Amino acid sequence: MKRNEVKKAIRTVYGELWDILALYEKTGGFNEVPKEDEGTDIRDYMGEKLSHVRKTAGILFLGEHEISRKVFQIIDETEYFISQHEIPGVVPRWKLLNPRLTYFDCAFSLMDKDPELFKQISRGQTEFSLSCYPDPELIRAREKYFRNIREKSSRHNLQYSEDRIFQDELLSTLRLLFEDSFQEYLHK
């Protein structure tokens, strides 16, 4: 494939995955189908959307083994996230590329709502474990992040829910994933 064809194909798959992640808020964290599709099981609904992306990627990158491998890794990671039904519920690579995803971890709400249970979990005194154990530096960074979001929302009269803010971070992460994985095609 020529470089311009590869670039266009990468952008096509990116757009389709963007459309899927942009359903996060509308589907209640991929837990319910949008109203216009009521009567469909959410797993079938999301599975069909992911199958479409897989088909598109398979057609566009047939014979392009290295690009195909990278594209399908991102599709697999997206499917993993969708099937987790938790926040952030992403693979570690996504949090490495976009550390702000960690700000949505359930550990923070557990710290606020049940500090004793959080302390027991963090000390290994329960059979539960968390994917994140916030330290003071992370707590301060998270507070600053949400303070900035609230200020921006107030200035621009935005009524973003926490789900919408998380969705925006997912979409930012998707952009970072594609830019990181395909920089030789996207940045020339």
C-alpha atoms as a PDB file:
ATOM      1  CA  MET A   1       0.000   0.000   0.000  1.00  0.00           C
ATOM      2  CA  LYS A   2       1.122   3.531  -0.645  1.00  0.00           C
ATOM      3  CA  ARG A   3       1.721   5.803   2.342  1.00  0.00           C
ATOM      4  CA  ASN A   4      -1.349   7.955   1.574  1.00  0.00           C
ATOM      5  CA  GLU A   5      -3.541   4.849   1.297  1.00  0.00           C
ATOM      6  CA  VAL A   6      -2.234   3.557   4.623  1.00  0.00           C
ATOM      7  CA  LYS A   7      -2.821   6.943   6.250  1.00  0.00           C
ATOM      8  CA  LYS A   8      -6.411   7.061   4.943  1.00  0.00           C
ATOM      9  CA  ALA A   9      -7.062   3.465   6.074  1.00  0.00           C
ATOM     10  CA  ILE A  10      -5.666   4.162   9.550  1.00  0.00           C
ATOM     11  CA  ARG A  11      -7.899   7.218   9.823  1.00  0.00           C
ATOM     12  CA  THR A  12     -10.916   5.177   8.741  1.00  0.00           C
ATOM     13  CA  VAL A  13     -10.412   2.631  11.525  1.00  0.00           C
ATOM     14  CA  TYR A  14      -9.664   5.441  13.982  1.00  0.00           C
ATOM     15  CA  GLY A  15     -12.968   7.100  13.051  1.00  0.00           C
ATOM     16  CA  GLU A  16     -14.937   3.907  13.557  1.00  0.00           C
ATOM     17  CA  LEU A  17     -13.355   3.265  16.964  1.00  0.00           C
ATOM     18  CA  TRP A  18     -13.921   6.927  17.865  1.00  0.00           C
ATOM     19  CA  ASP A  19     -17.621   6.461  17.071  1.00  0.00           C
ATOM     20  CA  ILE A  20     -17.755   3.449  19.391  1.00  0.00           C
ATOM     21  CA  LEU A  21     -15.993   5.120  22.333  1.00  0.00           C
ATOM     22  CA  ALA A  22     -18.157   8.206  21.822  1.00  0.00           C
ATOM     23  CA  LEU A  23     -21.125   6.020  22.814  1.00  0.00           C
ATOM     24  CA  TYR A  24     -19.817   5.714  26.380  1.00  0.00           C
ATOM     25  CA  GLU A  25     -22.024   8.400  27.911  1.00  0.00           C
ATOM     26  CA  LYS A  26     -25.043   7.660  25.719  1.00  0.00           C
ATOM     27  CA  THR A  27     -24.991   3.959  26.677  1.00  0.00           C
ATOM     28  CA  GLY A  28     -24.398   4.478  30.390  1.00  0.00           C
ATOM     29  CA  GLY A  29     -20.881   3.072  30.249  1.00  0.00           C
ATOM     30  CA  PHE A  30     -21.790   0.447  27.633  1.00  0.00           C
ATOM     31  CA  ASN A  31     -24.495  -0.946  29.905  1.00  0.00           C
ATOM     32  CA  GLU A  32     -27.615  -0.076  27.906  1.00  0.00           C
ATOM     33  CA  VAL A  33     -28.417   0.431  24.253  1.00  0.00           C
ATOM     34  CA  PRO A  34     -29.359   3.929  23.078  1.00  0.00           C
ATOM     35  CA  LYS A  35     -33.099   4.619  23.046  1.00  0.00           C
ATOM     36  CA  GLU A  36     -33.301   4.426  19.248  1.00  0.00           C
ATOM     37  CA  ASP A  37     -32.022   0.818  19.416  1.00  0.00           C
ATOM     38  CA  GLU A  38     -34.120  -0.434  22.346  1.00  0.00           C
ATOM     39  CA  GLY A  39     -34.903  -4.111  22.281  1.00  0.00           C
ATOM     40  CA  THR A  40     -31.337  -5.032  21.378  1.00  0.00           C
ATOM     41  CA  ASP A  41     -29.042  -6.636  23.928  1.00  0.00           C
ATOM     42  CA  ILE A  42     -26.137  -4.313  24.764  1.00  0.00           C
ATOM     43  CA  ARG A  43     -23.572  -7.083  24.287  1.00  0.00           C
ATOM     44  CA  ASP A  44     -24.974  -7.849  20.835  1.00  0.00           C
ATOM     45  CA  TYR A  45     -25.158  -4.134  20.032  1.00  0.00           C
ATOM     46  CA  MET A  46     -21.535  -3.434  20.971  1.00  0.00           C
ATOM     47  CA  GLY A  47     -20.365  -6.752  19.520  1.00  0.00           C
ATOM     48  CA  GLU A  48     -21.881  -5.847  16.162  1.00  0.00           C
ATOM     49  CA  LYS A  49     -20.144  -2.463  16.182  1.00  0.00           C
ATOM     50  CA  LEU A  50     -16.789  -4.041  17.045  1.00  0.00           C
ATOM     51  CA  SER A  51     -17.289  -6.753  14.395  1.00  0.00           C
ATOM     52  CA  HIS A  52     -17.834  -4.022  11.827  1.00  0.00           C
ATOM     53  CA  VAL A  53     -14.544  -2.353  12.814  1.00  0.00           C
ATOM     54  CA  ARG A  54     -12.739  -5.705  12.665  1.00  0.00           C
ATOM     55  CA  LYS A  55     -14.146  -6.319   9.180  1.00  0.00           C
ATOM     56  CA  THR A  56     -13.131  -2.844   8.021  1.00  0.00           C
ATOM     57  CA  ALA A  57      -9.618  -3.254   9.421  1.00  0.00           C
ATOM     58  CA  GLY A  58      -9.295  -6.752   7.980  1.00  0.00           C
ATOM     59  CA  ILE A  59     -10.211  -5.531   4.520  1.00  0.00           C
ATOM     60  CA  LEU A  60      -8.129  -2.358   4.612  1.00  0.00           C
ATOM     61  CA  PHE A  61      -4.969  -3.988   5.973  1.00  0.00           C
ATOM     62  CA  LEU A  62      -5.077  -7.350   4.224  1.00  0.00           C
ATOM     63  CA  GLY A  63      -1.458  -8.255   3.531  1.00  0.00           C
ATOM     64  CA  GLU A  64      -0.096  -5.445   5.737  1.00  0.00           C
ATOM     65  CA  HIS A  65       0.953  -7.629   8.660  1.00  0.00           C
ATOM     66  CA  GLU A  66       2.693  -5.108  10.934  1.00  0.00           C
ATOM     67  CA  ILE A  67       0.044  -2.404  10.536  1.00  0.00           C
ATOM     68  CA  SER A  68      -2.708  -5.002  10.888  1.00  0.00           C
ATOM     69  CA  ARG A  69      -1.167  -6.325  14.109  1.00  0.00           C
ATOM     70  CA  LYS A  70      -1.092  -2.841  15.625  1.00  0.00           C
ATOM     71  CA  VAL A  71      -4.640  -1.999  14.499  1.00  0.00           C
ATOM     72  CA  PHE A  72      -6.050  -5.242  15.865  1.00  0.00           C
ATOM     73  CA  GLN A  73      -4.234  -4.711  19.157  1.00  0.00           C
ATOM     74  CA  ILE A  74      -6.054  -1.387  19.577  1.00  0.00           C
ATOM     75  CA  ILE A  75      -9.369  -3.003  18.586  1.00  0.00           C
ATOM     76  CA  ASP A  76      -8.772  -5.822  21.106  1.00  0.00           C
ATOM     77  CA  GLU A  77      -7.913  -3.302  23.825  1.00  0.00           C
ATOM     78  CA  THR A  78     -11.078  -1.354  23.029  1.00  0.00           C
ATOM     79  CA  GLU A  79     -13.137  -4.532  23.247  1.00  0.00           C
ATOM     80  CA  TYR A  80     -11.475  -5.377  26.570  1.00  0.00           C
ATOM     81  CA  PHE A  81     -12.435  -1.958  27.934  1.00  0.00           C
ATOM     82  CA  ILE A  82     -16.029  -2.230  26.719  1.00  0.00           C
ATOM     83  CA  SER A  83     -16.442  -5.665  28.304  1.00  0.00           C
ATOM     84  CA  GLN A  84     -15.020  -4.612  31.694  1.00  0.00           C
ATOM     85  CA  HIS A  85     -17.964  -2.437  32.748  1.00  0.00           C
ATOM     86  CA  GLU A  86     -15.775  -0.571  35.190  1.00  0.00           C
ATOM     87  CA  ILE A  87     -13.930   2.712  35.346  1.00  0.00           C
ATOM     88  CA  PRO A  88     -11.321   3.126  34.120  1.00  0.00           C
ATOM     89  CA  GLY A  89     -11.265  -0.558  33.083  1.00  0.00           C
ATOM     90  CA  VAL A  90      -8.573   0.006  30.481  1.00  0.00           C
ATOM     91  CA  VAL A  91      -5.375  -1.895  29.791  1.00  0.00           C
ATOM     92  CA  PRO A  92      -2.225  -0.508  31.457  1.00  0.00           C
ATOM     93  CA  ARG A  93      -0.900   0.803  28.116  1.00  0.00           C
ATOM     94  CA  TRP A  94      -3.825   3.226  27.888  1.00  0.00           C
ATOM     95  CA  LYS A  95      -3.085   4.602  31.360  1.00  0.00           C
ATOM     96  CA  LEU A  96       0.585   4.948  30.452  1.00  0.00           C
ATOM     97  CA  LEU A  97      -0.290   7.000  27.379  1.00  0.00           C
ATOM     98  CA  ASN A  98      -2.940   9.023  29.211  1.00  0.00           C
ATOM     99  CA  PRO A  99      -2.341   9.035  32.988  1.00  0.00           C
ATOM    100  CA  ARG A 100      -5.497  11.161  33.470  1.00  0.00           C
ATOM    101  CA  LEU A 101      -7.538   7.966  33.038  1.00  0.00           C
ATOM    102  CA  THR A 102      -6.302   6.970  36.501  1.00  0.00           C
ATOM    103  CA  TYR A 103      -8.177   9.955  37.981  1.00  0.00           C
ATOM    104  CA  PHE A 104     -11.418   8.051  37.368  1.00  0.00           C
ATOM    105  CA  ASP A 105     -10.381   4.932  39.268  1.00  0.00           C
ATOM    106  CA  CYS A 106     -12.873   3.640  41.841  1.00  0.00           C
ATOM    107  CA  ALA A 107     -10.140   3.844  44.490  1.00  0.00           C
ATOM    108  CA  PHE A 108     -10.793   7.581  44.802  1.00  0.00           C
ATOM    109  CA  SER A 109     -14.501   7.193  45.529  1.00  0.00           C
ATOM    110  CA  LEU A 110     -13.747   4.322  47.908  1.00  0.00           C
ATOM    111  CA  MET A 111     -11.281   6.583  49.749  1.00  0.00           C
ATOM    112  CA  ASP A 112     -14.051   9.189  50.108  1.00  0.00           C
ATOM    113  CA  LYS A 113     -17.028   6.942  50.835  1.00  0.00           C
ATOM    114  CA  ASP A 114     -15.451   4.192  52.920  1.00  0.00           C
ATOM    115  CA  PRO A 115     -11.952   5.169  54.061  1.00  0.00           C
ATOM    116  CA  GLU A 116     -11.749   2.269  56.515  1.00  0.00           C
ATOM    117  CA  LEU A 117     -12.402  -0.310  53.797  1.00  0.00           C
ATOM    118  CA  PHE A 118      -9.892   1.449  51.522  1.00  0.00           C
ATOM    119  CA  LYS A 119      -7.291   1.249  54.292  1.00  0.00           C
ATOM    120  CA  GLN A 120      -7.961  -2.475  54.802  1.00  0.00           C
ATOM    121  CA  ILE A 121      -7.713  -3.179  51.068  1.00  0.00           C
ATOM    122  CA  SER A 122      -4.517  -1.151  50.687  1.00  0.00           C
ATOM    123  CA  ARG A 123      -2.969  -3.065  53.601  1.00  0.00           C
ATOM    124  CA  GLY A 124      -3.880  -6.433  52.086  1.00  0.00           C
ATOM    125  CA  GLN A 125      -6.353  -7.231  54.878  1.00  0.00           C
ATOM    126  CA  THR A 126      -9.153  -8.228  52.505  1.00  0.00           C
ATOM    127  CA  GLU A 127      -9.379 -10.499  49.492  1.00  0.00           C
ATOM    128  CA  PHE A 128     -10.058  -7.435  47.318  1.00  0.00           C
ATOM    129  CA  SER A 129      -7.481  -5.506  45.392  1.00  0.00           C
ATOM    130  CA  LEU A 130      -7.527  -2.283  43.436  1.00  0.00           C
ATOM    131  CA  SER A 131      -5.771  -1.327  40.239  1.00  0.00           C
ATOM    132  CA  CYS A 132      -4.688   1.947  41.818  1.00  0.00           C
ATOM    133  CA  TYR A 133      -3.577   2.987  45.307  1.00  0.00           C
ATOM    134  CA  PRO A 134      -3.470   6.793  45.215  1.00  0.00           C
ATOM    135  CA  ASP A 135      -0.590   8.525  46.915  1.00  0.00           C
ATOM    136  CA  PRO A 136      -0.673  12.212  47.965  1.00  0.00           C
ATOM    137  CA  GLU A 137       0.901  13.329  44.668  1.00  0.00           C
ATOM    138  CA  LEU A 138      -1.756  11.536  42.618  1.00  0.00           C
ATOM    139  CA  ILE A 139      -4.537  12.851  44.851  1.00  0.00           C
ATOM    140  CA  ARG A 140      -3.329  16.444  44.369  1.00  0.00           C
ATOM    141  CA  ALA A 141      -3.004  15.978  40.604  1.00  0.00           C
ATOM    142  CA  ARG A 142      -6.549  14.575  40.435  1.00  0.00           C
ATOM    143  CA  GLU A 143      -7.954  17.434  42.503  1.00  0.00           C
ATOM    144  CA  LYS A 144      -6.245  19.965  40.221  1.00  0.00           C
ATOM    145  CA  TYR A 145      -7.550  18.157  37.125  1.00  0.00           C
ATOM    146  CA  PHE A 146     -11.177  18.211  38.294  1.00  0.00           C
ATOM    147  CA  ARG A 147     -10.851  21.796  39.557  1.00  0.00           C
ATOM    148  CA  ASN A 148      -9.680  22.831  36.074  1.00  0.00           C
ATOM    149  CA  ILE A 149     -12.553  20.910  34.471  1.00  0.00           C
ATOM    150  CA  ARG A 150     -15.089  22.625  36.769  1.00  0.00           C
ATOM    151  CA  GLU A 151     -13.601  26.050  35.994  1.00  0.00           C
ATOM    152  CA  LYS A 152     -13.671  25.383  32.241  1.00  0.00           C
ATOM    153  CA  SER A 153     -17.236  24.106  32.510  1.00  0.00           C
ATOM    154  CA  SER A 154     -18.271  27.225  34.390  1.00  0.00           C
ATOM    155  CA  ARG A 155     -16.530  29.598  31.935  1.00  0.00           C
ATOM    156  CA  HIS A 156     -18.040  27.917  28.876  1.00  0.00           C
ATOM    157  CA  ASN A 157     -21.395  27.018  30.454  1.00  0.00           C
ATOM    158  CA  LEU A 158     -20.806  23.308  29.881  1.00  0.00           C
ATOM    159  CA  GLN A 159     -22.900  20.796  31.739  1.00  0.00           C
ATOM    160  CA  TYR A 160     -20.591  17.802  31.397  1.00  0.00           C
ATOM    161  CA  SER A 161     -21.252  14.769  33.538  1.00  0.00           C
ATOM    162  CA  GLU A 162     -18.364  12.754  34.931  1.00  0.00           C
ATOM    163  CA  ASP A 163     -19.216  10.128  32.306  1.00  0.00           C
ATOM    164  CA  ARG A 164     -18.782  12.733  29.571  1.00  0.00           C
ATOM    165  CA  ILE A 165     -15.461  13.876  31.013  1.00  0.00           C
ATOM    166  CA  PHE A 166     -14.284  10.260  31.155  1.00  0.00           C
ATOM    167  CA  GLN A 167     -15.498   9.695  27.591  1.00  0.00           C
ATOM    168  CA  ASP A 168     -13.471  12.710  26.442  1.00  0.00           C
ATOM    169  CA  GLU A 169     -10.389  11.192  28.093  1.00  0.00           C
ATOM    170  CA  LEU A 170     -11.065   7.885  26.319  1.00  0.00           C
ATOM    171  CA  LEU A 171     -11.234   9.712  22.999  1.00  0.00           C
ATOM    172  CA  SER A 172      -8.009  11.568  23.792  1.00  0.00           C
ATOM    173  CA  THR A 173      -6.410   8.235  24.611  1.00  0.00           C
ATOM    174  CA  LEU A 174      -7.552   6.762  21.313  1.00  0.00           C
ATOM    175  CA  ARG A 175      -5.884   9.642  19.469  1.00  0.00           C
ATOM    176  CA  LEU A 176      -2.696   9.089  21.481  1.00  0.00           C
ATOM    177  CA  LEU A 177      -2.778   5.348  20.723  1.00  0.00           C
ATOM    178  CA  PHE A 178      -3.049   5.916  16.993  1.00  0.00           C
ATOM    179  CA  GLU A 179      -0.437   8.662  16.973  1.00  0.00           C
ATOM    180  CA  ASP A 180       1.946   6.492  18.981  1.00  0.00           C
ATOM    181  CA  SER A 181       1.341   3.323  16.964  1.00  0.00           C
ATOM    182  CA  PHE A 182       1.310   4.892  13.510  1.00  0.00           C
ATOM    183  CA  GLN A 183       3.481   7.980  13.787  1.00  0.00           C
ATOM    184  CA  GLU A 184       5.474   7.018  10.687  1.00  0.00           C
ATOM    185  CA  TYR A 185       2.272   7.219   8.623  1.00  0.00           C
ATOM    186  CA  LEU A 186       0.398  10.047  10.331  1.00  0.00           C
ATOM    187  CA  HIS A 187       3.169  12.593  10.821  1.00  0.00           C
ATOM    188  CA  LYS A 188       4.580  12.908   7.319  1.00  0.00           C
END
